[in-house]
Protein backbone atom coordinates (compact mmCIF):
# COMPACT_ATOMS: atom_id res chain seq x y z
CA MET A 1 0.00 0.00 0.00
CA THR A 2 1.35 3.40 -0.96
CA PRO A 3 1.91 6.07 1.72
CA LEU A 4 -0.81 8.24 0.13
CA ALA A 5 -3.37 5.42 0.27
CA ARG A 6 -2.36 4.62 3.85
CA ALA A 7 -2.78 8.25 4.88
CA GLN A 8 -6.15 8.46 3.13
CA ARG A 9 -7.38 5.35 4.95
CA GLN A 10 -6.26 6.74 8.31
CA LEU A 11 -7.99 10.06 7.67
CA THR A 12 -11.18 8.24 6.66
CA ALA A 13 -11.07 6.19 9.85
CA HIS A 14 -10.58 9.36 11.97
CA PRO A 15 -12.81 12.11 10.51
CA LEU A 16 -12.22 14.50 13.42
CA ALA A 17 -8.46 14.38 12.86
CA ALA A 18 -9.04 14.95 9.12
CA ASP A 19 -11.16 18.02 9.86
CA ALA A 20 -8.54 19.30 12.29
CA ALA A 21 -5.87 18.95 9.60
CA LEU A 22 -8.13 20.76 7.13
CA ALA A 23 -8.73 23.56 9.61
CA ALA A 24 -4.98 23.94 10.15
CA GLY A 25 -4.41 24.08 6.38
CA VAL A 26 -7.13 26.70 5.94
CA LEU A 27 -5.62 28.77 8.75
CA LEU A 28 -2.20 28.66 7.10
CA CYS A 29 -3.70 29.68 3.77
CA MET A 30 -5.53 32.60 5.38
CA LEU A 31 -2.35 33.72 7.16
CA ALA A 32 -0.36 33.52 3.94
CA GLY A 33 -3.06 35.38 2.03
CA SER A 34 -3.05 38.20 4.54
CA PHE A 35 0.53 39.08 3.50
CA VAL A 36 -0.30 39.35 -0.22
CA ASP A 37 -0.71 42.79 -1.72
CA PRO A 38 -3.43 42.53 -4.42
CA HIS A 39 -2.71 46.06 -5.70
CA SER A 40 0.88 45.53 -6.80
CA GLY A 41 0.22 45.16 -10.51
CA HIS A 42 0.85 41.94 -12.41
CA SER A 43 3.42 40.59 -9.94
CA VAL A 44 2.68 39.21 -6.50
CA SER A 45 3.90 41.49 -3.71
CA TRP A 46 4.31 40.48 -0.07
CA ARG A 47 3.81 42.99 2.71
CA ILE A 48 6.06 42.92 5.72
CA ARG A 49 3.47 44.24 8.18
CA PRO A 50 1.52 41.33 9.75
CA PRO A 51 -2.27 41.48 10.12
CA ASP A 52 -3.67 43.21 13.18
CA PRO A 53 -4.72 41.21 16.29
CA LEU A 54 -8.44 41.39 15.45
CA SER A 55 -7.86 39.79 12.04
CA LEU A 56 -5.70 37.09 13.62
CA LEU A 57 -8.46 36.36 16.12
CA LEU A 58 -11.14 36.19 13.40
CA MET A 59 -9.03 33.88 11.25
CA THR A 60 -8.36 31.60 14.21
CA LEU A 61 -12.06 31.44 15.15
CA GLY A 62 -13.09 30.70 11.56
CA ALA A 63 -10.51 27.93 11.19
CA ALA A 64 -11.32 26.41 14.60
CA ALA A 65 -15.01 26.19 13.70
CA LEU A 66 -14.14 23.99 10.71
CA VAL A 67 -13.07 21.19 13.06
CA PHE A 68 -16.78 20.55 13.73
CA ARG A 69 -18.01 20.98 10.15
CA ARG A 70 -19.19 17.35 9.82
CA ARG A 71 -21.09 17.33 13.12
CA ALA A 72 -22.94 20.64 12.68
CA PRO A 73 -22.47 22.02 9.16
CA MET A 74 -25.15 24.72 9.42
CA ALA A 75 -23.85 25.97 12.77
CA VAL A 76 -20.30 26.08 11.44
CA LEU A 77 -21.50 28.03 8.40
CA ALA A 78 -23.22 30.50 10.68
CA VAL A 79 -20.05 30.97 12.80
CA THR A 80 -17.70 31.33 9.84
CA GLY A 81 -20.13 33.66 8.08
CA THR A 82 -20.31 35.85 11.18
CA VAL A 83 -16.54 36.18 11.54
CA SER A 84 -16.27 36.83 7.79
CA VAL A 85 -18.78 39.69 8.04
CA ALA A 86 -16.92 41.07 11.06
CA GLU A 87 -13.63 40.94 9.14
CA SER A 88 -15.20 42.63 6.10
CA VAL A 89 -16.64 45.48 8.17
CA THR A 90 -14.04 46.18 10.86
CA GLY A 91 -10.96 44.09 10.24
CA ASP A 92 -7.97 44.31 7.98
CA PRO A 93 -9.22 43.91 4.39
CA ARG A 94 -6.07 41.94 3.63
CA ALA A 95 -7.17 39.06 5.90
CA PRO A 96 -9.17 36.51 3.79
CA VAL A 97 -11.35 35.21 6.63
CA ALA A 98 -14.09 34.44 4.10
CA MET A 99 -12.10 31.34 3.08
CA SER A 100 -13.41 29.53 6.15
CA ALA A 101 -16.99 30.44 5.18
CA VAL A 102 -16.38 29.05 1.67
CA VAL A 103 -15.22 25.70 3.14
CA ALA A 104 -18.22 25.62 5.50
CA LEU A 105 -20.60 26.36 2.59
CA PHE A 106 -18.97 23.54 0.62
CA THR A 107 -19.64 21.18 3.54
CA VAL A 108 -23.29 22.24 3.77
CA ALA A 109 -23.79 21.68 0.05
CA ALA A 110 -22.07 18.27 0.17
CA THR A 111 -24.05 16.97 3.16
CA THR A 112 -27.57 18.36 2.59
CA ASP A 113 -30.00 18.50 -0.29
CA ARG A 114 -30.12 20.85 -3.26
CA PRO A 115 -32.88 23.20 -1.98
CA THR A 116 -30.94 23.71 1.26
CA THR A 117 -27.80 24.37 -0.76
CA TRP A 118 -29.57 26.99 -2.85
CA ARG A 119 -30.97 28.78 0.19
CA ALA A 120 -27.72 28.65 2.20
CA GLY A 121 -25.59 29.58 -0.80
CA LEU A 122 -27.68 32.59 -1.84
CA LEU A 123 -27.92 33.82 1.74
CA THR A 124 -24.17 33.48 2.32
CA MET A 125 -23.26 35.16 -0.97
CA THR A 126 -25.68 38.02 -0.38
CA VAL A 127 -24.70 38.69 3.22
CA LEU A 128 -20.92 38.45 2.79
CA THR A 129 -20.77 40.36 -0.49
CA GLY A 130 -23.27 43.00 0.65
CA ALA A 131 -21.44 43.55 3.94
CA ALA A 132 -18.09 43.89 2.13
CA MET A 133 -19.46 46.32 -0.48
CA LEU A 134 -21.65 48.48 1.75
CA ALA A 135 -19.81 48.58 5.07
CA GLY A 136 -16.24 47.60 4.25
CA PRO A 137 -13.24 49.92 4.19
CA LEU A 138 -12.62 49.22 0.50
CA PRO A 139 -14.64 50.62 -2.44
CA TRP A 140 -17.64 48.53 -3.33
CA TYR A 141 -16.12 47.60 -6.69
CA ALA A 142 -12.85 46.35 -5.20
CA GLN A 143 -11.69 42.96 -6.46
CA GLU A 144 -11.65 41.56 -2.92
CA ASN A 145 -15.42 42.11 -2.72
CA LEU A 146 -16.04 40.51 -6.10
CA GLY A 147 -13.76 37.64 -5.06
CA ILE A 148 -16.05 36.88 -2.10
CA LEU A 149 -18.99 36.56 -4.51
CA ALA A 150 -17.07 34.25 -6.81
CA TRP A 151 -15.57 32.02 -4.11
CA THR A 152 -18.86 31.48 -2.26
CA GLY A 153 -20.52 30.50 -5.54
CA ILE A 154 -17.69 28.08 -6.32
CA GLY A 155 -17.94 26.52 -2.85
CA ALA A 156 -21.69 25.90 -3.14
CA THR A 157 -21.37 24.50 -6.68
CA ALA A 158 -18.47 22.20 -5.83
CA GLY A 159 -20.26 20.86 -2.75
CA ASP A 160 -23.43 20.17 -4.75
CA ALA A 161 -21.39 18.32 -7.37
CA VAL A 162 -19.77 16.16 -4.70
CA ARG A 163 -23.16 15.38 -3.16
CA SER A 164 -24.61 14.46 -6.56
CA ARG A 165 -21.70 12.14 -7.30
CA ARG A 166 -22.08 10.42 -3.93
CA ALA A 167 -25.80 9.97 -4.58
CA VAL A 168 -25.12 8.40 -7.99
CA VAL A 169 -22.49 6.04 -6.56
CA GLN A 170 -24.81 5.09 -3.70
CA ALA A 171 -27.69 4.45 -6.10
CA ILE A 172 -25.49 2.22 -8.27
CA ARG A 173 -24.31 0.32 -5.19
CA GLU A 174 -27.89 -0.12 -3.93
CA ARG A 175 -29.06 -1.35 -7.34
CA ALA A 176 -26.23 -3.87 -7.42
CA GLU A 177 -27.03 -5.08 -3.90
CA ARG A 178 -30.74 -5.26 -4.70
CA ALA A 179 -30.04 -7.22 -7.88
CA GLU A 180 -27.83 -9.60 -5.92
CA ARG A 181 -30.53 -10.10 -3.29
CA THR A 182 -33.13 -10.66 -6.01
CA ARG A 183 -30.95 -13.30 -7.67
CA GLU A 184 -30.40 -15.05 -4.36
CA GLU A 185 -34.11 -14.97 -3.51
CA GLU A 186 -35.02 -16.26 -6.96
CA ALA A 187 -32.47 -19.06 -6.62
CA ARG A 188 -33.84 -19.99 -3.18
CA ARG A 189 -37.41 -19.92 -4.50
CA ARG A 190 -36.56 -22.21 -7.40
CA VAL A 191 -34.69 -24.58 -5.12
CA ALA A 192 -37.69 -24.69 -2.77
CA GLU A 193 -40.08 -25.36 -5.66
CA GLU A 194 -37.85 -28.10 -7.01
CA ARG A 195 -37.57 -29.70 -3.60
CA LEU A 196 -41.33 -29.59 -3.21
CA ARG A 197 -41.85 -31.17 -6.61
CA ILE A 198 -39.33 -33.94 -5.91
CA ALA A 199 -40.92 -34.51 -2.50
CA ARG A 200 -44.32 -34.94 -4.16
CA ASP A 201 -42.89 -37.42 -6.67
CA LEU A 202 -41.16 -39.40 -3.93
CA HIS A 203 -44.32 -39.43 -1.85
CA ASP A 204 -46.42 -40.66 -4.76
CA VAL A 205 -43.97 -43.40 -5.65
CA VAL A 206 -43.37 -44.61 -2.12
CA ALA A 207 -46.99 -44.40 -0.97
CA HIS A 208 -48.30 -46.29 -3.99
CA HIS A 209 -45.77 -49.09 -4.26
CA ILE A 210 -45.17 -49.62 -0.56
CA ALA A 211 -48.93 -49.87 -0.01
CA LEU A 212 -49.10 -52.59 -2.67
CA VAL A 213 -46.11 -54.39 -1.18
CA ASN A 214 -47.72 -54.26 2.26
CA VAL A 215 -51.01 -55.68 1.02
CA GLN A 216 -49.41 -58.44 -1.04
CA ALA A 217 -47.04 -59.38 1.77
CA GLY A 218 -50.00 -59.66 4.12
CA VAL A 219 -51.82 -61.87 1.64
CA ALA A 220 -48.75 -64.09 1.24
CA ALA A 221 -48.33 -64.44 5.00
CA HIS A 222 -52.02 -65.30 5.40
CA VAL A 223 -52.20 -68.05 2.75
CA MET A 224 -48.64 -69.33 2.98
CA ASP A 225 -49.56 -72.58 4.76
CA LYS A 226 -52.91 -73.42 3.13
CA ARG A 227 -52.48 -72.06 -0.41
CA PRO A 228 -48.82 -71.84 -1.32
CA ASP A 229 -49.60 -71.19 -5.00
CA GLN A 230 -51.53 -68.04 -4.14
CA ALA A 231 -48.77 -67.01 -1.72
CA LYS A 232 -46.22 -67.47 -4.50
CA GLU A 233 -48.30 -65.25 -6.80
CA ALA A 234 -48.59 -62.57 -4.10
CA LEU A 235 -44.83 -62.62 -3.58
CA ALA A 236 -44.35 -62.22 -7.32
CA HIS A 237 -46.51 -59.09 -7.16
CA VAL A 238 -44.41 -57.87 -4.24
CA ARG A 239 -41.27 -58.31 -6.31
CA GLU A 240 -42.82 -56.51 -9.29
CA ALA A 241 -44.04 -53.61 -7.16
CA SER A 242 -40.64 -53.33 -5.48
CA ARG A 243 -38.88 -53.28 -8.86
CA SER A 244 -41.22 -50.54 -10.13
CA ALA A 245 -40.68 -48.51 -6.96
CA LEU A 246 -36.91 -48.78 -7.29
CA ASN A 247 -37.00 -47.74 -10.93
CA GLU A 248 -39.13 -44.67 -10.25
CA LEU A 249 -37.06 -43.75 -7.21
CA ARG A 250 -33.90 -44.05 -9.28
CA ALA A 251 -35.36 -41.78 -11.95
CA THR A 252 -36.48 -39.20 -9.38
CA VAL A 253 -33.23 -39.19 -7.42
CA GLY A 254 -31.34 -38.91 -10.70
CA LEU A 255 -32.64 -35.34 -10.96
CA LEU A 256 -30.51 -34.44 -7.95
CA ARG A 257 -27.24 -35.57 -9.48
CA GLN A 258 -24.55 -33.14 -10.54
CA SER A 259 -23.25 -32.82 -14.06
CA GLY A 260 -20.25 -35.04 -13.34
CA ASP A 261 -22.29 -37.83 -11.75
CA PRO A 262 -23.28 -40.99 -13.66
CA GLU A 263 -26.05 -40.39 -16.14
CA ALA A 264 -29.56 -40.80 -14.82
CA PRO A 265 -32.12 -43.02 -16.56
CA THR A 266 -33.78 -41.42 -19.56
CA GLU A 267 -37.10 -43.21 -19.15
CA PRO A 268 -39.96 -40.72 -19.57
CA ALA A 269 -42.18 -39.79 -16.64
CA PRO A 270 -45.36 -41.90 -16.30
CA GLY A 271 -48.54 -40.65 -17.89
CA LEU A 272 -52.07 -41.75 -18.74
CA ASP A 273 -50.70 -44.15 -21.33
CA ARG A 274 -49.78 -46.33 -18.34
CA LEU A 275 -53.19 -46.05 -16.71
CA ASP A 276 -54.16 -49.65 -17.55
CA GLU A 277 -50.89 -50.87 -16.07
CA LEU A 278 -51.53 -48.84 -12.94
CA ALA A 279 -55.06 -50.22 -12.57
CA GLY A 280 -53.69 -53.75 -13.08
CA THR A 281 -51.32 -53.39 -10.13
CA PHE A 282 -54.23 -52.48 -7.88
CA ARG A 283 -56.40 -55.29 -9.26
CA SER A 284 -53.64 -57.77 -8.51
CA ALA A 285 -53.70 -56.46 -4.93
CA GLY A 286 -57.39 -57.28 -4.63
CA LEU A 287 -58.96 -53.88 -5.34
CA GLN A 288 -61.72 -53.80 -7.92
CA VAL A 289 -60.92 -50.97 -10.30
CA GLU A 290 -62.97 -49.94 -13.33
CA VAL A 291 -61.53 -47.49 -15.85
CA ALA A 292 -63.56 -45.39 -18.26
CA ARG A 293 -61.88 -43.03 -20.71
CA SER A 294 -63.13 -40.66 -23.38
CA ASP A 295 -59.92 -38.86 -24.14
CA ASP A 296 -58.67 -41.03 -26.98
CA GLY A 297 -56.50 -39.12 -29.41
CA THR A 298 -55.88 -36.26 -26.98
CA THR A 299 -52.28 -35.10 -26.81
CA LEU A 300 -51.61 -33.79 -23.35
CA PRO A 301 -48.78 -31.56 -22.17
CA ALA A 302 -46.20 -33.51 -20.21
CA ALA A 303 -47.00 -31.71 -16.95
CA VAL A 304 -50.76 -32.33 -17.30
CA ASP A 305 -50.20 -35.97 -18.25
CA LEU A 306 -47.99 -36.57 -15.21
CA ALA A 307 -50.33 -34.70 -12.85
CA ALA A 308 -53.36 -36.71 -14.01
CA TYR A 309 -51.46 -39.97 -13.54
CA ARG A 310 -50.27 -38.97 -10.05
CA VAL A 311 -53.75 -37.88 -8.96
CA ILE A 312 -55.22 -41.24 -9.98
CA GLN A 313 -52.33 -43.11 -8.40
CA GLU A 314 -52.66 -41.28 -5.08
CA ALA A 315 -56.45 -41.58 -5.02
CA LEU A 316 -56.33 -45.35 -5.66
CA THR A 317 -53.60 -45.72 -3.05
CA ASN A 318 -55.84 -44.01 -0.51
CA VAL A 319 -58.69 -46.33 -1.46
CA GLN A 320 -56.38 -49.34 -1.06
CA LYS A 321 -55.15 -48.18 2.34
CA HIS A 322 -58.35 -46.84 3.90
CA ALA A 323 -61.39 -48.35 2.18
CA GLY A 324 -60.56 -52.01 2.76
CA PRO A 325 -60.30 -55.03 0.45
CA ALA A 326 -64.01 -55.04 -0.31
CA ALA A 327 -64.04 -51.56 -1.80
CA ARG A 328 -64.60 -50.89 -5.47
CA ALA A 329 -63.10 -47.91 -7.29
CA GLU A 330 -64.11 -46.20 -10.51
CA VAL A 331 -61.73 -44.09 -12.56
CA SER A 332 -62.92 -41.80 -15.35
CA VAL A 333 -60.86 -39.59 -17.62
CA VAL A 334 -62.93 -37.23 -19.78
CA ARG A 335 -61.90 -34.43 -22.13
CA VAL A 336 -64.30 -31.51 -21.71
CA GLY A 337 -63.49 -28.58 -23.95
CA PRO A 338 -60.11 -27.09 -23.03
CA SER A 339 -59.87 -29.16 -19.83
CA LEU A 340 -59.29 -32.73 -18.76
CA GLU A 341 -61.50 -34.01 -15.94
CA VAL A 342 -60.21 -36.87 -13.80
CA THR A 343 -62.55 -38.51 -11.30
CA VAL A 344 -61.86 -41.34 -8.85
CA LEU A 345 -64.79 -42.75 -6.87
CA ASP A 346 -65.04 -45.53 -4.35
CA ASP A 347 -67.97 -47.05 -2.49
CA GLY A 348 -66.28 -47.11 0.92
CA THR A 349 -66.01 -49.96 3.37
CA ASP A 350 -68.59 -52.43 4.58
CA ASP A 351 -68.75 -50.66 7.94
CA GLY A 352 -69.26 -47.13 6.70
CA PRO A 353 -68.01 -44.45 4.36
CA GLN A 354 -64.32 -44.28 3.61
CA SER A 355 -62.51 -41.20 4.74
CA ALA A 356 -59.24 -40.51 3.02
CA PRO A 357 -56.78 -38.99 5.42
CA GLY A 358 -55.82 -35.39 4.88
CA PRO A 359 -53.22 -33.42 6.66
CA GLN A 360 -55.65 -32.63 9.43
CA GLN A 361 -56.71 -36.25 9.99
CA GLY A 362 -54.01 -38.82 9.49
CA GLY A 363 -51.09 -36.48 9.12
CA GLY A 364 -50.46 -37.64 5.54
CA HIS A 365 -49.57 -35.50 2.58
CA GLY A 366 -51.46 -37.31 -0.18
CA LEU A 367 -54.35 -34.90 -0.61
CA LEU A 368 -52.04 -31.93 -0.09
CA GLY A 369 -49.67 -33.20 -2.77
CA MET A 370 -52.53 -33.72 -5.22
CA ARG A 371 -53.85 -30.25 -4.57
CA GLU A 372 -50.42 -28.68 -5.06
CA ARG A 373 -49.93 -30.50 -8.36
CA VAL A 374 -53.30 -29.42 -9.70
CA THR A 375 -53.00 -25.85 -8.44
CA ALA A 376 -49.55 -25.52 -10.02
CA LEU A 377 -51.22 -26.14 -13.41
CA ARG A 378 -54.03 -23.65 -12.63
CA GLY A 379 -56.51 -26.43 -12.24
CA THR A 380 -59.01 -27.22 -9.49
CA LEU A 381 -59.25 -30.22 -7.16
CA THR A 382 -62.33 -31.22 -5.22
CA THR A 383 -62.25 -33.99 -2.61
CA GLY A 384 -64.74 -35.16 -0.06
CA PRO A 385 -67.07 -37.95 1.09
CA ARG A 386 -69.86 -39.16 -1.19
CA TYR A 387 -73.49 -39.22 -0.21
CA GLY A 388 -74.28 -42.75 0.89
CA GLY A 389 -70.68 -43.74 1.52
CA GLY A 390 -67.33 -43.62 -0.15
CA PHE A 391 -65.06 -40.85 -1.27
CA ARG A 392 -64.71 -38.73 -4.38
CA VAL A 393 -61.65 -37.10 -5.94
CA HIS A 394 -62.32 -34.78 -8.88
CA ALA A 395 -59.60 -32.83 -10.69
CA ILE A 396 -59.97 -30.40 -13.58
CA LEU A 397 -56.72 -29.85 -15.46
CA PRO A 398 -56.48 -27.24 -18.24
CA VAL A 399 -55.14 -28.81 -21.43
CA LYS A 400 -54.81 -25.51 -23.25
CA PRO A 401 -53.78 -22.20 -21.63
CA ARG A 402 -56.69 -19.95 -20.81
CA THR A 403 -57.03 -16.68 -22.69
CA ALA A 404 -57.24 -14.80 -19.41
CA ASP A 405 -53.89 -16.07 -18.26
CA ALA A 406 -52.09 -13.38 -20.18
CA LYS A 407 -54.01 -10.79 -18.17
CA ASP A 408 -53.44 -12.36 -14.76
CA PRO A 409 -51.23 -10.35 -12.49
CA VAL A 410 -47.79 -11.67 -11.91
């Protein structure tokens, strides 16, 4: 670090010491200026006679006030302006006490706003110049009087320029910090959304396949001794469900891998083209499932296709877990205008209506996950008990974007 940079850092860390050094420099300049003879022609002439005691006192007071210019700029301007007027009226006209007022005016302009600068600058220029011209010992047209007018104007203008530059630099810094915060918030929001989506996928996969494995394992344990053939078939279903769960888990977890990790499976996400396969897994577990579709030939967006599949999967899983082995489920997929309607009904248990657990009942996240999926696509989901027993899940998924979407507020 250079000595100049080191000195600048020390002065910045100790503003009072910097102001004291400035005040001492201004005092030296005023003392040196008091020896200059402005009426000596084109060459600079130095007078031997020092300034009188009153001028020395006024210069000292004006310079001393500058030590506190950062703490009370308006008060310092008032003090320096007063001693400048006193010097102009009664003191030695050689003593440039007005230099302290110029520095104080510069400080006011650099630390306040523009209207305050205009008012303080005009008042200082008018008072100091008027006092020097009307009540001073020199003629009103003397160059010392005109110099006061010029120097006060320069001080106010320079201070306003410094303040404007600081404001521009601060605005640029704030915009950069705000942009950085916005990028970080956007990154966090996207990470949270991705985590939520992966959590929904994991929940759907685990809840569906583990429920099937649990049912088939229970069947195998129940008929192992009396009907080994049926137990063998149930265990085969357990193995198939486990394999499917592992494959889907591998595909989902593969999304979390980094670019240098082994390549994840490229198998597409499940959709309604695998609806018959999905219903077959539940039928093999003992649940009676009927499927009715009127969407043949409809090409669905990938997000809608996946959401419809997951809604049906979660609804049938809830039927399997909560309605009992005697329940019967009906699945319908219907294309109605620009929307796809998915409905899953069940007739409940033999003892009463089936109640699928929501977050407020069983603590599960199935219904919440379905609702989040559908809402993310700007669809609607309706769930609730059926009259006479059973449960109903009804989802409306927009296949085509609505015309009003472009007008929705962001």
